[in-house]
Amino acid sequence: MRKQHIVRISTGAAILASLALGGTAAVAVQGTITAAEQRMDLPQGPAPEYPRNDSGLTYGSAAKAISPETEPDLIAAVGDDGTKGYVYTKQLNYQPQFKSPDEAVAWQRENAGKTVTIDLYDQTGKTKVGTFTVTPPTQSEIDAAQGTANK
């Protein structure tokens, strides 16, 4: 249960951090941190180079990304049952592009606590090896984070 709580808090922090700078939200996955969570302290320099699979898709950790656009096509993740694999970045970043912080907060309130389950793949991006559940923050976590962000 503690692991799920940590992921929820990380998700809330990622969403609020990305909103502050107009990016999209992403999720921390057991030691793998997306660029959205590091928004305040992004790596500097050129975009990272990721390995490519036989289909030409990039894969790896998003921790080295200097922006959401430089994240790999397949982000390293740990599935619901502990299986290591990759999730498609486009599926992980399922939230709409927000035009304002108010729009983002309204979306968060509407979707508070709802989970989204996406497929987990091997590095080819073709073979499904499990599932990965994205758990957005609860309403109380959103409210608490907004109180912290507004100080």
N, C-alpha and C. Protein backbone atom coordinates (compact mmCIF):
# COMPACT_ATOMS: atom_id res chain seq x y z
N MET A 1 0.81 -1.18 0.00
CA MET A 1 0.00 0.00 0.00
C MET A 1 0.86 1.26 0.00
N ARG A 2 1.98 1.25 0.71
CA ARG A 2 2.87 2.41 0.78
C ARG A 2 3.37 2.76 -0.61
N LYS A 3 3.69 1.77 -1.43
CA LYS A 3 4.21 2.00 -2.78
C LYS A 3 3.19 2.77 -3.61
N GLN A 4 1.90 2.40 -3.53
CA GLN A 4 0.87 3.09 -4.29
C GLN A 4 0.75 4.53 -3.82
N HIS A 5 0.86 4.76 -2.52
CA HIS A 5 0.76 6.12 -1.99
C HIS A 5 1.90 6.99 -2.51
N ILE A 6 3.10 6.43 -2.56
CA ILE A 6 4.26 7.16 -3.07
C ILE A 6 4.05 7.53 -4.53
N VAL A 7 3.53 6.59 -5.32
CA VAL A 7 3.29 6.86 -6.74
C VAL A 7 2.24 7.95 -6.89
N ARG A 8 1.19 7.92 -6.04
CA ARG A 8 0.16 8.95 -6.12
C ARG A 8 0.73 10.32 -5.81
N ILE A 9 1.52 10.41 -4.76
CA ILE A 9 2.11 11.71 -4.41
C ILE A 9 3.06 12.16 -5.51
N SER A 10 3.85 11.24 -6.05
CA SER A 10 4.76 11.59 -7.13
C SER A 10 3.99 12.08 -8.34
N THR A 11 2.86 11.42 -8.63
CA THR A 11 2.04 11.83 -9.76
C THR A 11 1.50 13.24 -9.55
N GLY A 12 1.02 13.51 -8.33
CA GLY A 12 0.50 14.85 -8.04
C GLY A 12 1.57 15.90 -8.17
N ALA A 13 2.75 15.60 -7.66
CA ALA A 13 3.86 16.54 -7.77
C ALA A 13 4.23 16.77 -9.22
N ALA A 14 4.21 15.69 -10.01
CA ALA A 14 4.56 15.81 -11.42
C ALA A 14 3.56 16.68 -12.16
N ILE A 15 2.28 16.48 -11.87
CA ILE A 15 1.26 17.25 -12.54
C ILE A 15 1.40 18.73 -12.19
N LEU A 16 1.52 19.03 -10.91
CA LEU A 16 1.64 20.43 -10.52
C LEU A 16 2.93 21.07 -11.03
N ALA A 17 4.02 20.33 -10.99
CA ALA A 17 5.28 20.87 -11.50
C ALA A 17 5.18 21.16 -12.99
N SER A 18 4.56 20.24 -13.73
CA SER A 18 4.47 20.46 -15.17
C SER A 18 3.51 21.59 -15.49
N LEU A 19 2.45 21.75 -14.70
CA LEU A 19 1.51 22.85 -14.94
C LEU A 19 2.18 24.19 -14.72
N ALA A 20 3.04 24.24 -13.75
CA ALA A 20 3.72 25.50 -13.46
C ALA A 20 4.53 25.98 -14.66
N LEU A 21 4.97 25.06 -15.47
CA LEU A 21 5.78 25.44 -16.63
C LEU A 21 5.11 25.11 -17.95
N GLY A 22 3.83 24.72 -17.93
CA GLY A 22 3.09 24.51 -19.16
C GLY A 22 3.37 23.20 -19.85
N GLY A 23 3.95 22.23 -19.19
CA GLY A 23 4.22 20.95 -19.82
C GLY A 23 3.10 19.97 -19.57
N THR A 24 3.30 18.74 -19.98
CA THR A 24 2.34 17.69 -19.70
C THR A 24 2.85 16.88 -18.53
N ALA A 25 1.94 16.17 -17.89
CA ALA A 25 2.32 15.40 -16.71
C ALA A 25 2.74 14.00 -17.10
N ALA A 26 3.61 13.44 -16.32
CA ALA A 26 4.04 12.06 -16.50
C ALA A 26 4.22 11.45 -15.12
N VAL A 27 4.69 10.25 -15.07
CA VAL A 27 4.66 9.52 -13.82
C VAL A 27 6.01 8.95 -13.45
N ALA A 28 6.29 8.91 -12.16
CA ALA A 28 7.48 8.24 -11.65
C ALA A 28 7.19 6.76 -11.58
N VAL A 29 8.13 5.97 -12.00
CA VAL A 29 7.94 4.53 -12.00
C VAL A 29 9.10 3.89 -11.28
N GLN A 30 8.92 3.56 -10.06
CA GLN A 30 9.88 2.84 -9.23
C GLN A 30 11.32 3.14 -9.62
N GLY A 31 11.78 4.32 -9.32
CA GLY A 31 13.16 4.69 -9.59
C GLY A 31 13.35 5.37 -10.94
N THR A 32 12.35 5.35 -11.79
CA THR A 32 12.44 6.02 -13.08
C THR A 32 11.67 7.32 -12.96
N ILE A 33 12.33 8.45 -13.18
CA ILE A 33 11.68 9.74 -13.02
C ILE A 33 11.58 10.40 -14.38
N THR A 34 10.39 10.86 -14.71
CA THR A 34 10.19 11.50 -16.00
C THR A 34 10.64 12.96 -15.93
N ALA A 35 10.80 13.54 -17.08
CA ALA A 35 11.24 14.93 -17.15
C ALA A 35 10.25 15.87 -16.47
N ALA A 36 8.97 15.53 -16.50
CA ALA A 36 7.97 16.41 -15.89
C ALA A 36 8.22 16.57 -14.39
N GLU A 37 8.68 15.52 -13.73
CA GLU A 37 8.94 15.61 -12.30
C GLU A 37 10.20 16.40 -12.01
N GLN A 38 11.10 16.49 -12.95
CA GLN A 38 12.34 17.21 -12.75
C GLN A 38 12.28 18.61 -13.35
N ARG A 39 11.08 19.08 -13.67
CA ARG A 39 10.89 20.32 -14.40
C ARG A 39 11.67 21.48 -13.80
N MET A 40 11.78 21.53 -12.49
CA MET A 40 12.48 22.64 -11.85
C MET A 40 14.00 22.50 -11.96
N ASP A 41 14.47 21.31 -12.24
CA ASP A 41 15.91 21.07 -12.28
C ASP A 41 16.24 20.15 -13.46
N LEU A 42 15.85 20.56 -14.65
CA LEU A 42 16.08 19.74 -15.83
C LEU A 42 17.56 19.69 -16.18
N PRO A 43 17.99 18.55 -16.71
CA PRO A 43 19.38 18.48 -17.17
C PRO A 43 19.61 19.52 -18.26
N GLN A 44 20.79 20.03 -18.31
CA GLN A 44 21.15 21.01 -19.34
C GLN A 44 21.91 20.31 -20.45
N GLY A 45 22.01 20.95 -21.58
CA GLY A 45 22.81 20.41 -22.67
C GLY A 45 21.96 19.82 -23.76
N PRO A 46 22.59 19.06 -24.64
CA PRO A 46 21.86 18.50 -25.77
C PRO A 46 20.88 17.41 -25.33
N ALA A 47 19.93 17.13 -26.20
CA ALA A 47 18.95 16.07 -25.93
C ALA A 47 19.68 14.74 -25.81
N PRO A 48 19.19 13.88 -24.93
CA PRO A 48 19.84 12.58 -24.77
C PRO A 48 19.66 11.71 -26.01
N GLU A 49 20.59 10.81 -26.20
CA GLU A 49 20.48 9.84 -27.28
C GLU A 49 20.07 8.52 -26.65
N TYR A 50 19.00 7.93 -27.18
CA TYR A 50 18.50 6.66 -26.67
C TYR A 50 18.75 5.57 -27.71
N PRO A 51 18.89 4.33 -27.25
CA PRO A 51 18.99 3.23 -28.21
C PRO A 51 17.68 3.10 -28.97
N ARG A 52 17.76 2.49 -30.14
CA ARG A 52 16.56 2.26 -30.96
C ARG A 52 16.35 0.76 -31.13
N ASN A 53 15.07 0.37 -31.14
CA ASN A 53 14.77 -1.04 -31.40
C ASN A 53 14.67 -1.27 -32.91
N ASP A 54 14.36 -2.49 -33.32
CA ASP A 54 14.31 -2.81 -34.75
C ASP A 54 13.24 -2.04 -35.50
N SER A 55 12.25 -1.53 -34.80
CA SER A 55 11.19 -0.72 -35.42
C SER A 55 11.56 0.76 -35.48
N GLY A 56 12.72 1.11 -34.93
CA GLY A 56 13.17 2.50 -34.95
C GLY A 56 12.68 3.33 -33.78
N LEU A 57 11.99 2.70 -32.82
CA LEU A 57 11.52 3.42 -31.65
C LEU A 57 12.63 3.55 -30.62
N THR A 58 12.71 4.71 -29.99
CA THR A 58 13.69 4.89 -28.93
C THR A 58 13.12 4.33 -27.64
N TYR A 59 14.02 3.87 -26.74
CA TYR A 59 13.56 3.32 -25.47
C TYR A 59 14.58 3.61 -24.38
N GLY A 60 14.07 3.68 -23.15
CA GLY A 60 14.95 3.92 -22.01
C GLY A 60 14.26 4.74 -20.94
N SER A 61 15.05 5.20 -19.99
CA SER A 61 14.55 6.02 -18.88
C SER A 61 14.32 7.45 -19.37
N ALA A 62 13.28 8.05 -18.87
CA ALA A 62 13.00 9.45 -19.21
C ALA A 62 13.76 10.41 -18.30
N ALA A 63 14.53 9.88 -17.35
CA ALA A 63 15.23 10.73 -16.39
C ALA A 63 16.24 11.65 -17.05
N LYS A 64 16.76 11.28 -18.20
CA LYS A 64 17.76 12.10 -18.88
C LYS A 64 17.14 13.15 -19.80
N ALA A 65 15.83 13.08 -19.99
CA ALA A 65 15.15 13.99 -20.91
C ALA A 65 15.27 15.43 -20.43
N ILE A 66 15.49 16.34 -21.36
CA ILE A 66 15.58 17.76 -21.02
C ILE A 66 14.26 18.48 -21.27
N SER A 67 13.29 17.77 -21.84
CA SER A 67 11.94 18.29 -22.06
C SER A 67 11.06 17.09 -22.40
N PRO A 68 9.75 17.27 -22.36
CA PRO A 68 8.87 16.15 -22.74
C PRO A 68 9.14 15.67 -24.17
N GLU A 69 9.53 16.58 -25.03
CA GLU A 69 9.79 16.21 -26.42
C GLU A 69 11.02 15.32 -26.57
N THR A 70 11.90 15.32 -25.59
CA THR A 70 13.12 14.51 -25.69
C THR A 70 13.02 13.21 -24.89
N GLU A 71 11.82 12.88 -24.42
CA GLU A 71 11.63 11.58 -23.78
C GLU A 71 11.64 10.50 -24.85
N PRO A 72 12.04 9.27 -24.49
CA PRO A 72 12.03 8.19 -25.49
C PRO A 72 10.61 7.80 -25.87
N ASP A 73 10.47 7.10 -26.99
CA ASP A 73 9.16 6.63 -27.44
C ASP A 73 8.58 5.62 -26.44
N LEU A 74 9.46 4.79 -25.90
CA LEU A 74 9.09 3.78 -24.91
C LEU A 74 9.82 4.10 -23.61
N ILE A 75 9.07 4.39 -22.54
CA ILE A 75 9.66 4.76 -21.26
C ILE A 75 9.73 3.53 -20.35
N ALA A 76 10.90 3.33 -19.76
CA ALA A 76 11.08 2.21 -18.83
C ALA A 76 10.09 2.31 -17.68
N ALA A 77 9.47 1.18 -17.35
CA ALA A 77 8.46 1.16 -16.29
C ALA A 77 8.45 -0.21 -15.62
N VAL A 78 7.88 -0.25 -14.44
CA VAL A 78 7.67 -1.50 -13.72
C VAL A 78 6.17 -1.72 -13.65
N GLY A 79 5.73 -2.86 -14.18
CA GLY A 79 4.30 -3.15 -14.27
C GLY A 79 3.63 -3.42 -12.94
N ASP A 80 2.33 -3.59 -12.99
CA ASP A 80 1.52 -3.82 -11.81
C ASP A 80 1.96 -5.06 -11.04
N ASP A 81 2.49 -6.06 -11.74
CA ASP A 81 2.92 -7.29 -11.07
C ASP A 81 4.43 -7.33 -10.84
N GLY A 82 5.13 -6.21 -11.07
CA GLY A 82 6.57 -6.15 -10.85
C GLY A 82 7.40 -6.43 -12.09
N THR A 83 6.76 -6.75 -13.20
CA THR A 83 7.47 -7.02 -14.45
C THR A 83 8.08 -5.73 -14.99
N LYS A 84 9.34 -5.81 -15.39
CA LYS A 84 10.00 -4.64 -15.99
C LYS A 84 9.69 -4.63 -17.49
N GLY A 85 9.44 -3.44 -18.00
CA GLY A 85 9.12 -3.30 -19.41
C GLY A 85 9.10 -1.83 -19.79
N TYR A 86 8.30 -1.52 -20.79
CA TYR A 86 8.22 -0.17 -21.32
C TYR A 86 6.78 0.20 -21.63
N VAL A 87 6.45 1.46 -21.43
CA VAL A 87 5.14 1.98 -21.81
C VAL A 87 5.35 3.02 -22.91
N TYR A 88 4.39 3.09 -23.80
CA TYR A 88 4.46 4.11 -24.84
C TYR A 88 4.28 5.49 -24.22
N THR A 89 5.16 6.40 -24.52
CA THR A 89 5.09 7.75 -23.97
C THR A 89 3.73 8.39 -24.27
N LYS A 90 3.23 8.19 -25.47
CA LYS A 90 1.95 8.79 -25.85
C LYS A 90 0.81 8.26 -24.98
N GLN A 91 0.88 7.00 -24.58
CA GLN A 91 -0.16 6.44 -23.72
C GLN A 91 0.01 6.90 -22.28
N LEU A 92 1.24 7.05 -21.85
CA LEU A 92 1.51 7.50 -20.49
C LEU A 92 1.06 8.94 -20.29
N ASN A 93 1.28 9.76 -21.27
CA ASN A 93 0.89 11.17 -21.22
C ASN A 93 -0.48 11.35 -21.85
N TYR A 94 -1.47 10.67 -21.25
CA TYR A 94 -2.82 10.65 -21.79
C TYR A 94 -3.62 11.92 -21.51
N GLN A 95 -3.10 12.80 -20.67
CA GLN A 95 -3.83 14.01 -20.33
C GLN A 95 -3.86 14.94 -21.54
N PRO A 96 -4.94 15.72 -21.66
CA PRO A 96 -4.99 16.68 -22.76
C PRO A 96 -3.97 17.80 -22.55
N GLN A 97 -3.68 18.53 -23.60
CA GLN A 97 -2.82 19.70 -23.49
C GLN A 97 -3.67 20.82 -22.89
N PHE A 98 -3.27 21.33 -21.75
CA PHE A 98 -4.04 22.36 -21.07
C PHE A 98 -3.63 23.74 -21.56
N LYS A 99 -4.61 24.62 -21.67
CA LYS A 99 -4.35 25.98 -22.13
C LYS A 99 -4.12 26.94 -20.98
N SER A 100 -4.48 26.50 -19.77
CA SER A 100 -4.29 27.37 -18.61
C SER A 100 -4.22 26.50 -17.35
N PRO A 101 -3.65 27.04 -16.29
CA PRO A 101 -3.65 26.30 -15.02
C PRO A 101 -5.07 25.98 -14.53
N ASP A 102 -6.01 26.91 -14.73
CA ASP A 102 -7.39 26.67 -14.30
C ASP A 102 -7.99 25.47 -15.03
N GLU A 103 -7.71 25.37 -16.32
CA GLU A 103 -8.20 24.25 -17.11
C GLU A 103 -7.61 22.94 -16.59
N ALA A 104 -6.34 22.97 -16.25
CA ALA A 104 -5.67 21.77 -15.73
C ALA A 104 -6.25 21.37 -14.38
N VAL A 105 -6.48 22.34 -13.52
CA VAL A 105 -7.04 22.04 -12.20
C VAL A 105 -8.45 21.47 -12.35
N ALA A 106 -9.24 22.01 -13.25
CA ALA A 106 -10.59 21.49 -13.47
C ALA A 106 -10.52 20.04 -13.95
N TRP A 107 -9.58 19.74 -14.84
CA TRP A 107 -9.42 18.36 -15.33
C TRP A 107 -9.00 17.45 -14.17
N GLN A 108 -8.07 17.93 -13.34
CA GLN A 108 -7.64 17.14 -12.18
C GLN A 108 -8.80 16.85 -11.26
N ARG A 109 -9.61 17.84 -10.96
CA ARG A 109 -10.75 17.64 -10.06
C ARG A 109 -11.72 16.62 -10.65
N GLU A 110 -11.98 16.72 -11.94
CA GLU A 110 -12.90 15.80 -12.61
C GLU A 110 -12.36 14.37 -12.62
N ASN A 111 -11.05 14.22 -12.69
CA ASN A 111 -10.45 12.89 -12.80
C ASN A 111 -9.76 12.41 -11.53
N ALA A 112 -9.93 13.14 -10.43
CA ALA A 112 -9.28 12.78 -9.17
C ALA A 112 -9.58 11.34 -8.78
N GLY A 113 -8.52 10.58 -8.54
CA GLY A 113 -8.66 9.21 -8.07
C GLY A 113 -8.98 8.18 -9.14
N LYS A 114 -9.28 8.60 -10.36
CA LYS A 114 -9.57 7.64 -11.44
C LYS A 114 -8.25 7.04 -11.92
N THR A 115 -8.25 5.76 -12.17
CA THR A 115 -7.04 5.11 -12.66
C THR A 115 -7.15 4.83 -14.15
N VAL A 116 -6.01 4.77 -14.80
CA VAL A 116 -5.92 4.42 -16.21
C VAL A 116 -4.90 3.30 -16.32
N THR A 117 -5.29 2.20 -16.93
CA THR A 117 -4.37 1.08 -17.10
C THR A 117 -3.93 1.03 -18.56
N ILE A 118 -2.61 1.01 -18.76
CA ILE A 118 -2.06 0.93 -20.10
C ILE A 118 -1.19 -0.31 -20.21
N ASP A 119 -0.95 -0.75 -21.42
CA ASP A 119 -0.15 -1.95 -21.65
C ASP A 119 1.33 -1.70 -21.40
N LEU A 120 2.00 -2.72 -20.92
CA LEU A 120 3.44 -2.73 -20.69
C LEU A 120 4.03 -3.66 -21.74
N TYR A 121 5.08 -3.23 -22.42
CA TYR A 121 5.68 -3.99 -23.52
C TYR A 121 7.14 -4.32 -23.26
N ASP A 122 7.65 -5.27 -24.03
CA ASP A 122 9.09 -5.49 -24.04
C ASP A 122 9.72 -4.38 -24.87
N GLN A 123 11.04 -4.36 -25.03
CA GLN A 123 11.68 -3.23 -25.71
C GLN A 123 11.37 -3.15 -27.20
N THR A 124 10.76 -4.18 -27.78
CA THR A 124 10.35 -4.09 -29.18
C THR A 124 9.13 -3.20 -29.33
N GLY A 125 8.37 -3.04 -28.24
CA GLY A 125 7.14 -2.27 -28.31
C GLY A 125 6.01 -3.06 -28.96
N LYS A 126 6.22 -4.34 -29.21
CA LYS A 126 5.22 -5.17 -29.87
C LYS A 126 4.65 -6.24 -28.94
N THR A 127 5.49 -6.82 -28.09
CA THR A 127 5.06 -7.92 -27.24
C THR A 127 4.61 -7.38 -25.88
N LYS A 128 3.32 -7.60 -25.59
CA LYS A 128 2.77 -7.16 -24.31
C LYS A 128 3.28 -8.09 -23.22
N VAL A 129 3.82 -7.49 -22.13
CA VAL A 129 4.35 -8.28 -21.02
C VAL A 129 3.61 -8.02 -19.72
N GLY A 130 2.64 -7.13 -19.73
CA GLY A 130 1.88 -6.83 -18.53
C GLY A 130 1.10 -5.55 -18.68
N THR A 131 0.73 -4.99 -17.53
CA THR A 131 -0.01 -3.73 -17.50
C THR A 131 0.64 -2.79 -16.51
N PHE A 132 0.37 -1.51 -16.71
CA PHE A 132 0.87 -0.46 -15.83
C PHE A 132 -0.31 0.45 -15.53
N THR A 133 -0.59 0.66 -14.26
CA THR A 133 -1.72 1.48 -13.86
C THR A 133 -1.25 2.85 -13.39
N VAL A 134 -1.78 3.88 -14.03
CA VAL A 134 -1.51 5.26 -13.65
C VAL A 134 -2.59 5.67 -12.66
N THR A 135 -2.17 6.09 -11.49
CA THR A 135 -3.11 6.51 -10.45
C THR A 135 -2.96 7.99 -10.21
N PRO A 136 -3.92 8.78 -10.72
CA PRO A 136 -3.85 10.22 -10.48
C PRO A 136 -4.02 10.53 -8.99
N PRO A 137 -3.66 11.72 -8.58
CA PRO A 137 -3.82 12.08 -7.17
C PRO A 137 -5.30 12.15 -6.78
N THR A 138 -5.57 11.94 -5.51
CA THR A 138 -6.93 12.11 -4.99
C THR A 138 -7.22 13.60 -4.85
N GLN A 139 -8.48 13.93 -4.62
CA GLN A 139 -8.85 15.34 -4.46
C GLN A 139 -8.11 15.97 -3.29
N SER A 140 -7.96 15.25 -2.19
CA SER A 140 -7.26 15.83 -1.03
C SER A 140 -5.78 16.07 -1.35
N GLU A 141 -5.16 15.18 -2.14
CA GLU A 141 -3.76 15.39 -2.54
C GLU A 141 -3.64 16.60 -3.47
N ILE A 142 -4.61 16.78 -4.36
CA ILE A 142 -4.61 17.94 -5.25
C ILE A 142 -4.72 19.22 -4.42
N ASP A 143 -5.69 19.22 -3.49
CA ASP A 143 -5.89 20.41 -2.64
C ASP A 143 -4.64 20.72 -1.83
N ALA A 144 -4.02 19.68 -1.25
CA ALA A 144 -2.82 19.88 -0.44
C ALA A 144 -1.67 20.42 -1.30
N ALA A 145 -1.50 19.88 -2.49
CA ALA A 145 -0.42 20.33 -3.38
C ALA A 145 -0.66 21.77 -3.83
N GLN A 146 -1.91 22.11 -4.11
CA GLN A 146 -2.21 23.49 -4.52
C GLN A 146 -1.93 24.46 -3.38
N GLY A 147 -2.23 24.06 -2.16
CA GLY A 147 -1.94 24.91 -1.01
C GLY A 147 -0.46 25.16 -0.88
N THR A 148 0.34 24.11 -1.14
CA THR A 148 1.79 24.22 -1.08
C THR A 148 2.30 25.08 -2.23
N ALA A 149 1.74 24.87 -3.42
CA ALA A 149 2.20 25.61 -4.60
C ALA A 149 1.86 27.09 -4.51
N ASN A 150 0.79 27.42 -3.80
CA ASN A 150 0.35 28.81 -3.73
C ASN A 150 1.04 29.60 -2.63
N LYS A 151 1.90 28.97 -1.84
CA LYS A 151 2.58 29.68 -0.74
C LYS A 151 3.76 30.46 -1.22
